[in-house]
Amino acid sequence: MEQDGEYMLAERMGIEFDEDFRLLQDLGWEPEDKRKSVELTMEAHDLAELLTRLRGEAEGVLDGTTCMRLQREEGERAKALYQGAKDTCEELLVRLDGKRG
């Protein structure tokens, strides 16, 4: 994201990750939690925003639009990431080869 100058996207994703993680902390990590209720520590406004986002994401997955888009984007992102990794490895190997020779 930094290479593409997508700072706003990176910031938004960081905020969303923080919100998701905070909700998970409140809900707990035990697969078989026996509690009848949990205390949510998020402000009501923040929780409403989070739940609205999660609902939208779920709707996108259920109607299939998100799955296809995410698969395409992830495939493109993965290729770009691996191409960058390959290029970096090749550049470093050339430099290392020069030092050994």
C-alpha atoms as a PDB file:
ATOM      1  CA  MET A   1       0.000   0.000   0.000  1.00  0.00           C
ATOM      2  CA  GLU A   2       2.859   2.333   0.761  1.00  0.00           C
ATOM      3  CA  GLN A   3       4.329   1.738  -2.704  1.00  0.00           C
ATOM      4  CA  ASP A   4       0.993   2.585  -4.304  1.00  0.00           C
ATOM      5  CA  GLY A   5       0.541   5.679  -2.118  1.00  0.00           C
ATOM      6  CA  GLU A   6      -2.660   4.292  -0.678  1.00  0.00           C
ATOM      7  CA  TYR A   7      -2.174   5.897   2.712  1.00  0.00           C
ATOM      8  CA  MET A   8      -5.883   6.564   3.240  1.00  0.00           C
ATOM      9  CA  LEU A   9      -6.689   2.910   2.561  1.00  0.00           C
ATOM     10  CA  ALA A  10      -3.936   1.789   4.926  1.00  0.00           C
ATOM     11  CA  GLU A  11      -5.205   4.130   7.634  1.00  0.00           C
ATOM     12  CA  ARG A  12      -8.796   2.932   7.189  1.00  0.00           C
ATOM     13  CA  MET A  13      -7.716  -0.713   7.302  1.00  0.00           C
ATOM     14  CA  GLY A  14      -5.740  -0.047  10.479  1.00  0.00           C
ATOM     15  CA  ILE A  15      -8.764   1.554  12.129  1.00  0.00           C
ATOM     16  CA  GLU A  16     -10.989  -1.323  11.046  1.00  0.00           C
ATOM     17  CA  PHE A  17      -8.494  -3.886  12.337  1.00  0.00           C
ATOM     18  CA  ASP A  18      -8.364  -2.064  15.664  1.00  0.00           C
ATOM     19  CA  GLU A  19     -12.163  -2.042  15.903  1.00  0.00           C
ATOM     20  CA  ASP A  20     -12.416  -5.726  14.971  1.00  0.00           C
ATOM     21  CA  PHE A  21      -9.726  -6.679  17.463  1.00  0.00           C
ATOM     22  CA  ARG A  22     -11.348  -4.651  20.241  1.00  0.00           C
ATOM     23  CA  LEU A  23     -14.693  -6.375  19.672  1.00  0.00           C
ATOM     24  CA  LEU A  24     -12.971  -9.771  19.659  1.00  0.00           C
ATOM     25  CA  GLN A  25     -11.262  -8.887  22.938  1.00  0.00           C
ATOM     26  CA  ASP A  26     -14.673  -8.140  24.459  1.00  0.00           C
ATOM     27  CA  LEU A  27     -16.272 -11.269  23.034  1.00  0.00           C
ATOM     28  CA  GLY A  28     -13.382 -13.484  24.129  1.00  0.00           C
ATOM     29  CA  TRP A  29     -11.246 -16.030  22.371  1.00  0.00           C
ATOM     30  CA  GLU A  30     -12.531 -19.262  23.903  1.00  0.00           C
ATOM     31  CA  PRO A  31     -14.303 -21.444  21.317  1.00  0.00           C
ATOM     32  CA  GLU A  32     -16.720 -22.721  23.967  1.00  0.00           C
ATOM     33  CA  ASP A  33     -17.359 -19.642  26.070  1.00  0.00           C
ATOM     34  CA  LYS A  34     -20.000 -20.406  28.716  1.00  0.00           C
ATOM     35  CA  ARG A  35     -20.809 -16.779  29.574  1.00  0.00           C
ATOM     36  CA  LYS A  36     -24.427 -15.726  29.120  1.00  0.00           C
ATOM     37  CA  SER A  37     -23.438 -12.132  28.340  1.00  0.00           C
ATOM     38  CA  VAL A  38     -20.376 -10.006  27.664  1.00  0.00           C
ATOM     39  CA  GLU A  39     -19.570  -6.406  28.431  1.00  0.00           C
ATOM     40  CA  LEU A  40     -18.809  -4.410  25.318  1.00  0.00           C
ATOM     41  CA  THR A  41     -16.301  -1.638  25.943  1.00  0.00           C
ATOM     42  CA  MET A  42     -16.717   0.295  22.701  1.00  0.00           C
ATOM     43  CA  GLU A  43     -18.652   3.531  22.559  1.00  0.00           C
ATOM     44  CA  ALA A  44     -22.149   2.995  21.124  1.00  0.00           C
ATOM     45  CA  HIS A  45     -21.348   5.144  18.075  1.00  0.00           C
ATOM     46  CA  ASP A  46     -18.161   3.165  17.305  1.00  0.00           C
ATOM     47  CA  LEU A  47     -19.944  -0.142  17.844  1.00  0.00           C
ATOM     48  CA  ALA A  48     -22.763   0.924  15.486  1.00  0.00           C
ATOM     49  CA  GLU A  49     -20.220   1.845  12.792  1.00  0.00           C
ATOM     50  CA  LEU A  50     -18.435  -1.480  13.249  1.00  0.00           C
ATOM     51  CA  LEU A  51     -21.654  -3.493  13.097  1.00  0.00           C
ATOM     52  CA  THR A  52     -22.794  -1.580  10.001  1.00  0.00           C
ATOM     53  CA  ARG A  53     -19.481  -2.354   8.281  1.00  0.00           C
ATOM     54  CA  LEU A  54     -19.581  -6.022   9.295  1.00  0.00           C
ATOM     55  CA  ARG A  55     -23.174  -6.330   8.091  1.00  0.00           C
ATOM     56  CA  GLY A  56     -22.210  -4.819   4.730  1.00  0.00           C
ATOM     57  CA  GLU A  57     -19.268  -7.190   4.406  1.00  0.00           C
ATOM     58  CA  ALA A  58     -21.513 -10.162   5.243  1.00  0.00           C
ATOM     59  CA  GLU A  59     -24.116  -9.057   2.691  1.00  0.00           C
ATOM     60  CA  GLY A  60     -21.415  -8.776   0.035  1.00  0.00           C
ATOM     61  CA  VAL A  61     -20.177 -12.274   0.765  1.00  0.00           C
ATOM     62  CA  LEU A  62     -23.696 -13.711   0.835  1.00  0.00           C
ATOM     63  CA  ASP A  63     -24.724 -12.186  -2.502  1.00  0.00           C
ATOM     64  CA  GLY A  64     -21.394 -13.162  -4.086  1.00  0.00           C
ATOM     65  CA  THR A  65     -20.248  -9.704  -5.168  1.00  0.00           C
ATOM     66  CA  THR A  66     -17.547  -9.399  -2.523  1.00  0.00           C
ATOM     67  CA  CYS A  67     -16.136 -12.871  -3.083  1.00  0.00           C
ATOM     68  CA  MET A  68     -15.453 -12.341  -6.771  1.00  0.00           C
ATOM     69  CA  ARG A  69     -14.045  -8.841  -6.254  1.00  0.00           C
ATOM     70  CA  LEU A  70     -11.870  -9.932  -3.326  1.00  0.00           C
ATOM     71  CA  GLN A  71     -10.533 -12.931  -5.197  1.00  0.00           C
ATOM     72  CA  ARG A  72      -9.597 -10.764  -8.176  1.00  0.00           C
ATOM     73  CA  GLU A  73      -8.040  -8.045  -5.991  1.00  0.00           C
ATOM     74  CA  GLU A  74      -6.224 -10.559  -3.815  1.00  0.00           C
ATOM     75  CA  GLY A  75      -4.866 -12.335  -6.882  1.00  0.00           C
ATOM     76  CA  GLU A  76      -3.569  -9.058  -8.323  1.00  0.00           C
ATOM     77  CA  ARG A  77      -2.168  -7.969  -4.961  1.00  0.00           C
ATOM     78  CA  ALA A  78      -0.503 -11.333  -4.412  1.00  0.00           C
ATOM     79  CA  LYS A  79       1.123 -11.227  -7.859  1.00  0.00           C
ATOM     80  CA  ALA A  80       2.423  -7.721  -7.237  1.00  0.00           C
ATOM     81  CA  LEU A  81       3.701  -8.706  -3.806  1.00  0.00           C
ATOM     82  CA  TYR A  82       5.478 -11.797  -5.114  1.00  0.00           C
ATOM     83  CA  GLN A  83       6.905  -9.855  -8.065  1.00  0.00           C
ATOM     84  CA  GLY A  84       8.315  -7.283  -5.634  1.00  0.00           C
ATOM     85  CA  ALA A  85       9.745 -10.037  -3.442  1.00  0.00           C
ATOM     86  CA  LYS A  86      11.280 -11.784  -6.461  1.00  0.00           C
ATOM     87  CA  ASP A  87      12.815  -8.542  -7.747  1.00  0.00           C
ATOM     88  CA  THR A  88      14.231  -7.714  -4.312  1.00  0.00           C
ATOM     89  CA  CYS A  89      15.694 -11.207  -3.918  1.00  0.00           C
ATOM     90  CA  GLU A  90      17.293 -11.021  -7.351  1.00  0.00           C
ATOM     91  CA  GLU A  91      18.775  -7.603  -6.619  1.00  0.00           C
ATOM     92  CA  LEU A  92      20.172  -8.759  -3.279  1.00  0.00           C
ATOM     93  CA  LEU A  93      21.590 -11.942  -4.812  1.00  0.00           C
ATOM     94  CA  VAL A  94      23.400  -9.875  -7.443  1.00  0.00           C
ATOM     95  CA  ARG A  95      24.881  -7.681  -4.696  1.00  0.00           C
ATOM     96  CA  LEU A  96      25.880 -10.709  -2.633  1.00  0.00           C
ATOM     97  CA  ASP A  97      27.422 -12.363  -5.666  1.00  0.00           C
ATOM     98  CA  GLY A  98      29.528  -9.239  -6.284  1.00  0.00           C
ATOM     99  CA  LYS A  99      30.826  -9.321  -2.706  1.00  0.00           C
ATOM    100  CA  ARG A 100      31.718 -13.028  -2.920  1.00  0.00           C
ATOM    101  CA  GLY A 101      33.476 -12.649  -6.268  1.00  0.00           C
END
